[in-house]
Amino acid sequence: MVKAFKSPRMKQKDILSRESVDEIIYRSKKIRDRLILELQARCGMRIGEVLNLRVKDITDRKLMIRQPKSGKDIEVAFAKRLSEYVRGCQHEPESRIFPICYSSALPVVRKLGEKVGVQIRHNDLRRYSATHTSRNGIPLEVVSEVLLRHQDLKTTQMYLGKITDTEAIRWM
């Protein structure tokens, strides 16, 4: 019996290099854009989580991600610059730190990627964060539960880039 329908295969996404991500962040002119990119690339946050951050979610060098996609609140350590940015903007405790919508944030990332010669979307920064964290020796379970806040380890494995032969030899 021949199957009439073949299940689609996930195409493996290219993982951005550290140099590309650093260059994209460096080229952002606005501190707001730089912080959004850093939260995604360094903390593995989803764009929706970043854009929904409130002033009350930040205490000193920590921020609380409330109502993430995974369903459980989580605390994340972050640089002092975010706290300074919030103090400088003088928002009300209930107001959003980054008062822009997803459709406004997307072109920012794309344009910065074009300046570096890379096609990029927000989720690519999250994928970068997961891949480079796991390749630096952090256990996959920690990457899955803490960094990406996934319910299932299989979801995290789809995020990780393929290891090249050179990397495999280096690890052996």
N, C-alpha and C. Protein backbone atom coordinates (compact mmCIF):
# COMPACT_ATOMS: atom_id res chain seq x y z
N MET A 1 0.83 -1.17 0.00
CA MET A 1 0.00 0.00 0.00
C MET A 1 0.89 1.25 0.00
N VAL A 2 0.61 2.18 -0.88
CA VAL A 2 1.40 3.40 -1.03
C VAL A 2 0.68 4.54 -0.31
N LYS A 3 1.43 5.31 0.45
CA LYS A 3 0.85 6.46 1.13
C LYS A 3 0.60 7.57 0.13
N ALA A 4 -0.55 8.18 0.21
CA ALA A 4 -0.87 9.29 -0.68
C ALA A 4 -0.32 10.60 -0.12
N PHE A 5 -0.07 10.61 1.18
CA PHE A 5 0.40 11.84 1.82
C PHE A 5 1.69 11.56 2.57
N LYS A 6 2.69 12.37 2.32
CA LYS A 6 3.96 12.24 3.05
C LYS A 6 4.00 13.33 4.10
N SER A 7 4.37 12.96 5.31
CA SER A 7 4.46 13.97 6.36
C SER A 7 5.63 14.91 6.06
N PRO A 8 5.42 16.20 6.27
CA PRO A 8 6.47 17.17 5.95
C PRO A 8 7.66 17.02 6.89
N ARG A 9 8.84 17.24 6.36
CA ARG A 9 10.05 17.21 7.17
C ARG A 9 10.44 18.63 7.50
N MET A 10 10.87 18.81 8.73
CA MET A 10 11.32 20.12 9.14
C MET A 10 12.65 20.43 8.45
N LYS A 11 12.71 21.55 7.78
CA LYS A 11 13.96 21.97 7.16
C LYS A 11 14.85 22.54 8.26
N GLN A 12 16.08 22.08 8.33
CA GLN A 12 16.99 22.55 9.35
C GLN A 12 17.36 24.00 9.07
N LYS A 13 17.17 24.84 10.06
CA LYS A 13 17.46 26.27 9.92
C LYS A 13 18.95 26.52 10.14
N ASP A 14 19.47 27.51 9.44
CA ASP A 14 20.85 27.91 9.68
C ASP A 14 20.92 28.68 10.99
N ILE A 15 21.98 28.46 11.73
CA ILE A 15 22.19 29.15 13.00
C ILE A 15 23.13 30.31 12.76
N LEU A 16 22.76 31.44 13.30
CA LEU A 16 23.60 32.63 13.15
C LEU A 16 24.91 32.45 13.91
N SER A 17 25.94 33.06 13.40
CA SER A 17 27.23 33.00 14.10
C SER A 17 27.23 34.05 15.21
N ARG A 18 28.08 33.84 16.17
CA ARG A 18 28.20 34.80 17.29
C ARG A 18 28.60 36.17 16.76
N GLU A 19 29.50 36.19 15.78
CA GLU A 19 29.96 37.46 15.21
C GLU A 19 28.80 38.21 14.55
N SER A 20 27.94 37.49 13.83
CA SER A 20 26.80 38.13 13.17
C SER A 20 25.84 38.72 14.19
N VAL A 21 25.54 37.96 15.23
CA VAL A 21 24.61 38.45 16.26
C VAL A 21 25.20 39.66 16.97
N ASP A 22 26.48 39.58 17.33
CA ASP A 22 27.12 40.72 18.00
C ASP A 22 27.11 41.95 17.10
N GLU A 23 27.35 41.76 15.82
CA GLU A 23 27.36 42.88 14.87
C GLU A 23 25.96 43.48 14.72
N ILE A 24 24.95 42.63 14.66
CA ILE A 24 23.57 43.11 14.55
C ILE A 24 23.21 43.95 15.79
N ILE A 25 23.55 43.45 16.95
CA ILE A 25 23.26 44.19 18.19
C ILE A 25 24.05 45.49 18.22
N TYR A 26 25.32 45.43 17.84
CA TYR A 26 26.18 46.61 17.85
C TYR A 26 25.66 47.70 16.91
N ARG A 27 25.13 47.30 15.77
CA ARG A 27 24.67 48.28 14.77
C ARG A 27 23.33 48.93 15.11
N SER A 28 22.65 48.44 16.12
CA SER A 28 21.38 49.06 16.48
C SER A 28 21.65 50.41 17.11
N LYS A 29 21.02 51.43 16.57
CA LYS A 29 21.26 52.81 17.01
C LYS A 29 20.52 53.13 18.31
N LYS A 30 19.30 52.62 18.44
CA LYS A 30 18.48 52.93 19.61
C LYS A 30 18.74 51.92 20.72
N ILE A 31 18.85 52.43 21.93
CA ILE A 31 19.07 51.55 23.08
C ILE A 31 17.89 50.59 23.24
N ARG A 32 16.68 51.05 22.92
CA ARG A 32 15.49 50.20 22.99
C ARG A 32 15.66 48.97 22.09
N ASP A 33 16.08 49.19 20.85
CA ASP A 33 16.26 48.09 19.91
C ASP A 33 17.37 47.14 20.36
N ARG A 34 18.44 47.71 20.89
CA ARG A 34 19.56 46.90 21.36
C ARG A 34 19.12 46.00 22.51
N LEU A 35 18.35 46.55 23.43
CA LEU A 35 17.88 45.75 24.57
C LEU A 35 16.94 44.64 24.13
N ILE A 36 16.06 44.94 23.20
CA ILE A 36 15.15 43.91 22.68
C ILE A 36 15.95 42.77 22.06
N LEU A 37 16.94 43.10 21.24
CA LEU A 37 17.77 42.08 20.60
C LEU A 37 18.56 41.28 21.62
N GLU A 38 19.11 41.95 22.62
CA GLU A 38 19.91 41.26 23.63
C GLU A 38 19.05 40.32 24.48
N LEU A 39 17.85 40.75 24.82
CA LEU A 39 16.96 39.87 25.60
C LEU A 39 16.66 38.59 24.83
N GLN A 40 16.51 38.71 23.53
CA GLN A 40 16.24 37.52 22.72
C GLN A 40 17.48 36.67 22.52
N ALA A 41 18.60 37.30 22.16
CA ALA A 41 19.81 36.55 21.82
C ALA A 41 20.55 36.02 23.04
N ARG A 42 20.50 36.72 24.15
CA ARG A 42 21.25 36.31 25.33
C ARG A 42 20.39 35.54 26.34
N CYS A 43 19.11 35.87 26.42
CA CYS A 43 18.22 35.25 27.41
C CYS A 43 17.24 34.27 26.79
N GLY A 44 17.21 34.16 25.46
CA GLY A 44 16.32 33.21 24.80
C GLY A 44 14.85 33.57 24.90
N MET A 45 14.55 34.83 25.11
CA MET A 45 13.14 35.23 25.27
C MET A 45 12.43 35.31 23.92
N ARG A 46 11.15 34.99 23.93
CA ARG A 46 10.31 35.15 22.76
C ARG A 46 10.03 36.63 22.58
N ILE A 47 9.75 37.07 21.36
CA ILE A 47 9.49 38.48 21.12
C ILE A 47 8.24 38.93 21.88
N GLY A 48 7.24 38.08 21.96
CA GLY A 48 6.04 38.42 22.72
C GLY A 48 6.33 38.64 24.19
N GLU A 49 7.23 37.83 24.75
CA GLU A 49 7.61 37.98 26.16
C GLU A 49 8.35 39.30 26.38
N VAL A 50 9.22 39.65 25.44
CA VAL A 50 9.97 40.90 25.54
C VAL A 50 9.02 42.10 25.47
N LEU A 51 8.14 42.09 24.49
CA LEU A 51 7.25 43.23 24.28
C LEU A 51 6.20 43.37 25.39
N ASN A 52 5.93 42.29 26.12
CA ASN A 52 4.95 42.35 27.21
C ASN A 52 5.57 42.66 28.57
N LEU A 53 6.88 42.86 28.62
CA LEU A 53 7.52 43.19 29.90
C LEU A 53 6.97 44.51 30.44
N ARG A 54 6.71 44.53 31.73
CA ARG A 54 6.20 45.73 32.42
C ARG A 54 7.29 46.25 33.35
N VAL A 55 7.19 47.49 33.71
CA VAL A 55 8.17 48.10 34.62
C VAL A 55 8.20 47.35 35.94
N LYS A 56 7.05 46.93 36.44
CA LYS A 56 6.98 46.22 37.72
C LYS A 56 7.67 44.85 37.67
N ASP A 57 7.96 44.33 36.48
CA ASP A 57 8.61 43.03 36.33
C ASP A 57 10.11 43.08 36.60
N ILE A 58 10.67 44.29 36.75
CA ILE A 58 12.11 44.43 36.91
C ILE A 58 12.45 44.84 38.34
N THR A 59 13.35 44.09 38.93
CA THR A 59 13.90 44.44 40.24
C THR A 59 15.41 44.30 40.15
N ASP A 60 16.09 45.41 40.27
CA ASP A 60 17.55 45.47 40.20
C ASP A 60 18.06 44.80 38.93
N ARG A 61 18.70 43.62 39.02
CA ARG A 61 19.27 42.96 37.84
C ARG A 61 18.47 41.73 37.43
N LYS A 62 17.24 41.62 37.89
CA LYS A 62 16.41 40.48 37.54
C LYS A 62 15.10 40.96 36.94
N LEU A 63 14.55 40.13 36.08
CA LEU A 63 13.23 40.43 35.54
C LEU A 63 12.38 39.18 35.61
N MET A 64 11.10 39.40 35.82
CA MET A 64 10.15 38.31 35.93
C MET A 64 9.35 38.23 34.63
N ILE A 65 9.40 37.07 33.99
CA ILE A 65 8.59 36.86 32.78
C ILE A 65 7.26 36.30 33.26
N ARG A 66 6.23 37.11 33.16
CA ARG A 66 4.91 36.70 33.63
C ARG A 66 4.07 36.17 32.47
N GLN A 67 3.37 35.12 32.74
CA GLN A 67 2.49 34.47 31.77
C GLN A 67 3.18 34.15 30.44
N PRO A 68 4.33 33.45 30.51
CA PRO A 68 4.97 33.05 29.25
C PRO A 68 4.17 31.95 28.57
N LYS A 69 4.56 31.64 27.38
CA LYS A 69 3.87 30.60 26.60
C LYS A 69 3.87 29.25 27.33
N SER A 70 4.93 28.99 28.09
CA SER A 70 5.03 27.71 28.80
C SER A 70 4.05 27.63 29.96
N GLY A 71 3.54 28.77 30.42
CA GLY A 71 2.52 28.76 31.46
C GLY A 71 3.02 29.02 32.87
N LYS A 72 4.34 28.99 33.11
CA LYS A 72 4.82 29.22 34.46
C LYS A 72 5.76 30.42 34.49
N ASP A 73 5.53 31.31 35.47
CA ASP A 73 6.36 32.50 35.61
C ASP A 73 7.81 32.08 35.89
N ILE A 74 8.74 32.87 35.39
CA ILE A 74 10.15 32.55 35.59
C ILE A 74 10.93 33.83 35.78
N GLU A 75 11.99 33.74 36.58
CA GLU A 75 12.84 34.89 36.84
C GLU A 75 14.13 34.74 36.03
N VAL A 76 14.58 35.82 35.41
CA VAL A 76 15.76 35.80 34.56
C VAL A 76 16.72 36.89 35.02
N ALA A 77 18.00 36.57 35.11
CA ALA A 77 19.00 37.58 35.45
C ALA A 77 19.39 38.32 34.18
N PHE A 78 19.58 39.63 34.29
CA PHE A 78 19.95 40.42 33.12
C PHE A 78 20.83 41.58 33.54
N ALA A 79 21.47 42.19 32.59
CA ALA A 79 22.41 43.28 32.85
C ALA A 79 21.73 44.50 33.44
N LYS A 80 22.51 45.31 34.03
CA LYS A 80 22.07 46.54 34.69
C LYS A 80 21.47 47.55 33.71
N ARG A 81 21.85 47.46 32.45
CA ARG A 81 21.40 48.44 31.45
C ARG A 81 19.88 48.49 31.32
N LEU A 82 19.23 47.35 31.45
CA LEU A 82 17.77 47.32 31.34
C LEU A 82 17.15 48.13 32.48
N SER A 83 17.66 47.96 33.69
CA SER A 83 17.16 48.72 34.84
C SER A 83 17.39 50.22 34.63
N GLU A 84 18.57 50.56 34.11
CA GLU A 84 18.88 51.98 33.85
C GLU A 84 17.97 52.55 32.77
N TYR A 85 17.69 51.76 31.76
CA TYR A 85 16.79 52.19 30.68
C TYR A 85 15.40 52.48 31.23
N VAL A 86 14.91 51.59 32.08
CA VAL A 86 13.58 51.76 32.66
C VAL A 86 13.53 53.00 33.54
N ARG A 87 14.56 53.19 34.38
CA ARG A 87 14.61 54.39 35.22
C ARG A 87 14.67 55.66 34.39
N GLY A 88 15.40 55.61 33.29
CA GLY A 88 15.54 56.77 32.41
C GLY A 88 14.25 57.14 31.70
N CYS A 89 13.43 56.16 31.40
CA CYS A 89 12.16 56.41 30.70
C CYS A 89 11.06 56.86 31.65
N GLN A 90 11.21 56.58 32.94
CA GLN A 90 10.26 56.96 33.98
C GLN A 90 8.82 56.57 33.63
N HIS A 91 8.61 55.30 33.41
CA HIS A 91 7.28 54.76 33.13
C HIS A 91 6.55 54.47 34.44
N GLU A 92 5.25 54.32 34.36
CA GLU A 92 4.44 53.86 35.48
C GLU A 92 4.71 52.36 35.67
N PRO A 93 4.53 51.83 36.89
CA PRO A 93 4.80 50.40 37.13
C PRO A 93 4.03 49.44 36.22
N GLU A 94 2.82 49.80 35.83
CA GLU A 94 2.01 48.92 34.99
C GLU A 94 2.29 49.08 33.49
N SER A 95 3.03 50.10 33.11
CA SER A 95 3.24 50.34 31.67
C SER A 95 4.29 49.39 31.10
N ARG A 96 4.18 49.15 29.81
CA ARG A 96 5.14 48.28 29.13
C ARG A 96 6.47 49.00 28.95
N ILE A 97 7.55 48.25 29.05
CA ILE A 97 8.88 48.81 28.89
C ILE A 97 9.12 49.19 27.43
N PHE A 98 8.72 48.32 26.53
CA PHE A 98 8.88 48.55 25.10
C PHE A 98 7.49 48.70 24.48
N PRO A 99 6.95 49.91 24.43
CA PRO A 99 5.57 50.09 23.96
C PRO A 99 5.44 50.07 22.43
N ILE A 100 5.87 48.97 21.84
CA ILE A 100 5.71 48.79 20.39
C ILE A 100 5.04 47.44 20.17
N CYS A 101 4.47 47.24 19.00
CA CYS A 101 3.82 45.97 18.70
C CYS A 101 4.77 45.08 17.89
N TYR A 102 4.38 43.84 17.73
CA TYR A 102 5.18 42.87 17.00
C TYR A 102 5.47 43.34 15.58
N SER A 103 4.44 43.89 14.93
CA SER A 103 4.62 44.31 13.53
C SER A 103 5.58 45.49 13.41
N SER A 104 5.80 46.23 14.49
CA SER A 104 6.79 47.32 14.47
C SER A 104 8.19 46.80 14.79
N ALA A 105 8.26 45.75 15.59
CA ALA A 105 9.56 45.19 15.98
C ALA A 105 10.20 44.37 14.87
N LEU A 106 9.40 43.71 14.06
CA LEU A 106 9.92 42.84 13.01
C LEU A 106 10.80 43.57 12.00
N PRO A 107 10.37 44.72 11.45
CA PRO A 107 11.24 45.41 10.48
C PRO A 107 12.57 45.88 11.07
N VAL A 108 12.57 46.18 12.36
CA VAL A 108 13.81 46.61 13.01
C VAL A 108 14.86 45.51 12.90
N VAL A 109 14.46 44.29 13.24
CA VAL A 109 15.39 43.16 13.20
C VAL A 109 15.82 42.85 11.77
N ARG A 110 14.87 42.87 10.85
CA ARG A 110 15.20 42.58 9.45
C ARG A 110 16.19 43.59 8.88
N LYS A 111 15.97 44.87 9.14
CA LYS A 111 16.85 45.91 8.61
C LYS A 111 18.26 45.81 9.19
N LEU A 112 18.35 45.53 10.48
CA LEU A 112 19.67 45.36 11.09
C LEU A 112 20.39 44.14 10.52
N GLY A 113 19.64 43.07 10.26
CA GLY A 113 20.23 41.89 9.63
C GLY A 113 20.73 42.17 8.24
N GLU A 114 19.96 42.97 7.47
CA GLU A 114 20.37 43.34 6.11
C GLU A 114 21.68 44.13 6.11
N LYS A 115 21.88 44.97 7.12
CA LYS A 115 23.12 45.75 7.21
C LYS A 115 24.34 44.84 7.36
N VAL A 116 24.13 43.69 8.00
CA VAL A 116 25.21 42.74 8.21
C VAL A 116 25.26 41.69 7.11
N GLY A 117 24.22 41.67 6.27
CA GLY A 117 24.17 40.70 5.18
C GLY A 117 23.56 39.38 5.58
N VAL A 118 22.64 39.40 6.54
CA VAL A 118 22.02 38.18 7.06
C VAL A 118 20.51 38.36 7.03
N GLN A 119 19.81 37.32 6.57
CA GLN A 119 18.35 37.32 6.67
C GLN A 119 18.00 36.82 8.05
N ILE A 120 17.22 37.60 8.80
CA ILE A 120 16.97 37.25 10.19
C ILE A 120 15.53 37.56 10.59
N ARG A 121 15.03 36.71 11.50
CA ARG A 121 13.72 36.93 12.13
C ARG A 121 13.94 36.84 13.64
N HIS A 122 12.93 37.23 14.38
CA HIS A 122 13.07 37.21 15.84
C HIS A 122 13.39 35.83 16.38
N ASN A 123 12.74 34.81 15.86
CA ASN A 123 12.95 33.47 16.39
C ASN A 123 14.37 32.97 16.12
N ASP A 124 15.05 33.54 15.12
CA ASP A 124 16.44 33.16 14.85
C ASP A 124 17.35 33.52 16.02
N LEU A 125 17.03 34.60 16.71
CA LEU A 125 17.82 35.01 17.87
C LEU A 125 17.62 34.02 19.03
N ARG A 126 16.41 33.55 19.18
CA ARG A 126 16.11 32.55 20.22
C ARG A 126 16.81 31.24 19.89
N ARG A 127 16.79 30.85 18.62
CA ARG A 127 17.47 29.64 18.17
C ARG A 127 18.98 29.76 18.39
N TYR A 128 19.52 30.94 18.09
CA TYR A 128 20.95 31.20 18.32
C TYR A 128 21.28 31.00 19.81
N SER A 129 20.45 31.58 20.67
CA SER A 129 20.68 31.48 22.11
C SER A 129 20.71 30.02 22.56
N ALA A 130 19.77 29.24 22.10
CA ALA A 130 19.70 27.83 22.50
C ALA A 130 20.89 27.03 21.98
N THR A 131 21.21 27.21 20.72
CA THR A 131 22.29 26.43 20.11
C THR A 131 23.64 26.74 20.75
N HIS A 132 23.94 28.00 20.91
CA HIS A 132 25.25 28.36 21.45
C HIS A 132 25.37 28.04 22.94
N THR A 133 24.27 28.09 23.65
CA THR A 133 24.30 27.69 25.05
C THR A 133 24.57 26.20 25.17
N SER A 134 23.89 25.41 24.37
CA SER A 134 24.09 23.96 24.44
C SER A 134 25.49 23.57 23.97
N ARG A 135 26.02 24.27 22.99
CA ARG A 135 27.36 23.95 22.49
C ARG A 135 28.47 24.39 23.45
N ASN A 136 28.12 25.20 24.42
CA ASN A 136 29.10 25.62 25.42
C ASN A 136 29.02 24.76 26.67
N GLY A 137 28.40 23.59 26.54
CA GLY A 137 28.44 22.61 27.61
C GLY A 137 27.27 22.62 28.57
N ILE A 138 26.29 23.46 28.38
CA ILE A 138 25.12 23.47 29.26
C ILE A 138 24.25 22.27 28.88
N PRO A 139 23.83 21.48 29.85
CA PRO A 139 23.00 20.31 29.53
C PRO A 139 21.71 20.69 28.80
N LEU A 140 21.31 19.83 27.89
CA LEU A 140 20.13 20.07 27.07
C LEU A 140 18.88 20.29 27.92
N GLU A 141 18.78 19.58 29.03
CA GLU A 141 17.62 19.73 29.91
C GLU A 141 17.54 21.14 30.49
N VAL A 142 18.69 21.72 30.83
CA VAL A 142 18.73 23.08 31.36
C VAL A 142 18.36 24.08 30.27
N VAL A 143 18.89 23.88 29.07
CA VAL A 143 18.55 24.75 27.95
C VAL A 143 17.05 24.71 27.71
N SER A 144 16.48 23.52 27.74
CA SER A 144 15.06 23.35 27.47
C SER A 144 14.18 23.98 28.54
N GLU A 145 14.44 23.66 29.80
CA GLU A 145 13.56 24.09 30.88
C GLU A 145 13.81 25.53 31.33
N VAL A 146 15.07 25.95 31.39
CA VAL A 146 15.38 27.26 31.95
C VAL A 146 15.46 28.34 30.87
N LEU A 147 16.26 28.11 29.85
CA LEU A 147 16.47 29.14 28.83
C LEU A 147 15.26 29.30 27.91
N LEU A 148 14.80 28.20 27.33
CA LEU A 148 13.72 28.29 26.36
C LEU A 148 12.33 28.09 26.97
N ARG A 149 12.29 27.51 28.17
CA ARG A 149 11.02 27.28 28.86
C ARG A 149 10.07 26.42 28.02
N HIS A 150 10.61 25.33 27.48
CA HIS A 150 9.81 24.39 26.69
C HIS A 150 9.22 23.33 27.61
N GLN A 151 8.05 22.84 27.26
CA GLN A 151 7.41 21.74 27.99
C GLN A 151 8.05 20.40 27.64
N ASP A 152 8.52 20.27 26.40
CA ASP A 152 9.01 18.99 25.89
C ASP A 152 10.43 19.15 25.34
N LEU A 153 11.28 18.21 25.66
CA LEU A 153 12.66 18.23 25.19
C LEU A 153 12.76 18.12 23.66
N LYS A 154 11.79 17.47 23.03
CA LYS A 154 11.78 17.32 21.57
C LYS A 154 11.67 18.69 20.89
N THR A 155 10.92 19.58 21.49
CA THR A 155 10.77 20.93 20.93
C THR A 155 12.12 21.64 20.94
N THR A 156 12.85 21.49 22.02
CA THR A 156 14.18 22.12 22.12
C THR A 156 15.12 21.53 21.08
N GLN A 157 15.06 20.24 20.86
CA GLN A 157 15.94 19.61 19.90
C GLN A 157 15.72 20.12 18.49
N MET A 158 14.49 20.53 18.17
CA MET A 158 14.21 21.10 16.86
C MET A 158 14.86 22.48 16.71
N TYR A 159 15.06 23.18 17.82
CA TYR A 159 15.67 24.51 17.79
C TYR A 159 17.16 24.46 17.51
N LEU A 160 17.81 23.40 17.95
CA LEU A 160 19.27 23.34 17.88
C LEU A 160 19.75 23.09 16.46
N GLY A 161 20.81 23.77 16.09
CA GLY A 161 21.38 23.60 14.77
C GLY A 161 22.18 22.31 14.67
N LYS A 162 22.39 21.87 13.45
CA LYS A 162 23.20 20.67 13.23
C LYS A 162 24.65 20.98 13.55
N ILE A 163 25.32 19.99 14.06
CA ILE A 163 26.74 20.14 14.38
C ILE A 163 27.54 19.81 13.13
N THR A 164 28.49 20.67 12.81
CA THR A 164 29.34 20.43 11.65
C THR A 164 30.39 19.38 12.01
N ASP A 165 31.04 18.84 10.99
CA ASP A 165 32.10 17.85 11.22
C ASP A 165 33.23 18.44 12.07
N THR A 166 33.57 19.68 11.81
CA THR A 166 34.64 20.35 12.56
C THR A 166 34.29 20.42 14.05
N GLU A 167 33.04 20.79 14.34
CA GLU A 167 32.61 20.87 15.74
C GLU A 167 32.61 19.50 16.41
N ALA A 168 32.18 18.49 15.67
CA ALA A 168 32.13 17.13 16.21
C ALA A 168 33.55 16.66 16.57
N ILE A 169 34.51 16.94 15.70
CA ILE A 169 35.91 16.56 15.95
C ILE A 169 36.44 17.31 17.16
N ARG A 170 36.11 18.58 17.27
CA ARG A 170 36.57 19.39 18.41
C ARG A 170 36.04 18.79 19.72
N TRP A 171 34.77 18.36 19.74
CA TRP A 171 34.19 17.81 20.96
C TRP A 171 34.79 16.45 21.30
N MET A 172 35.19 15.69 20.29
CA MET A 172 35.77 14.36 20.57
C MET A 172 37.19 14.54 21.06
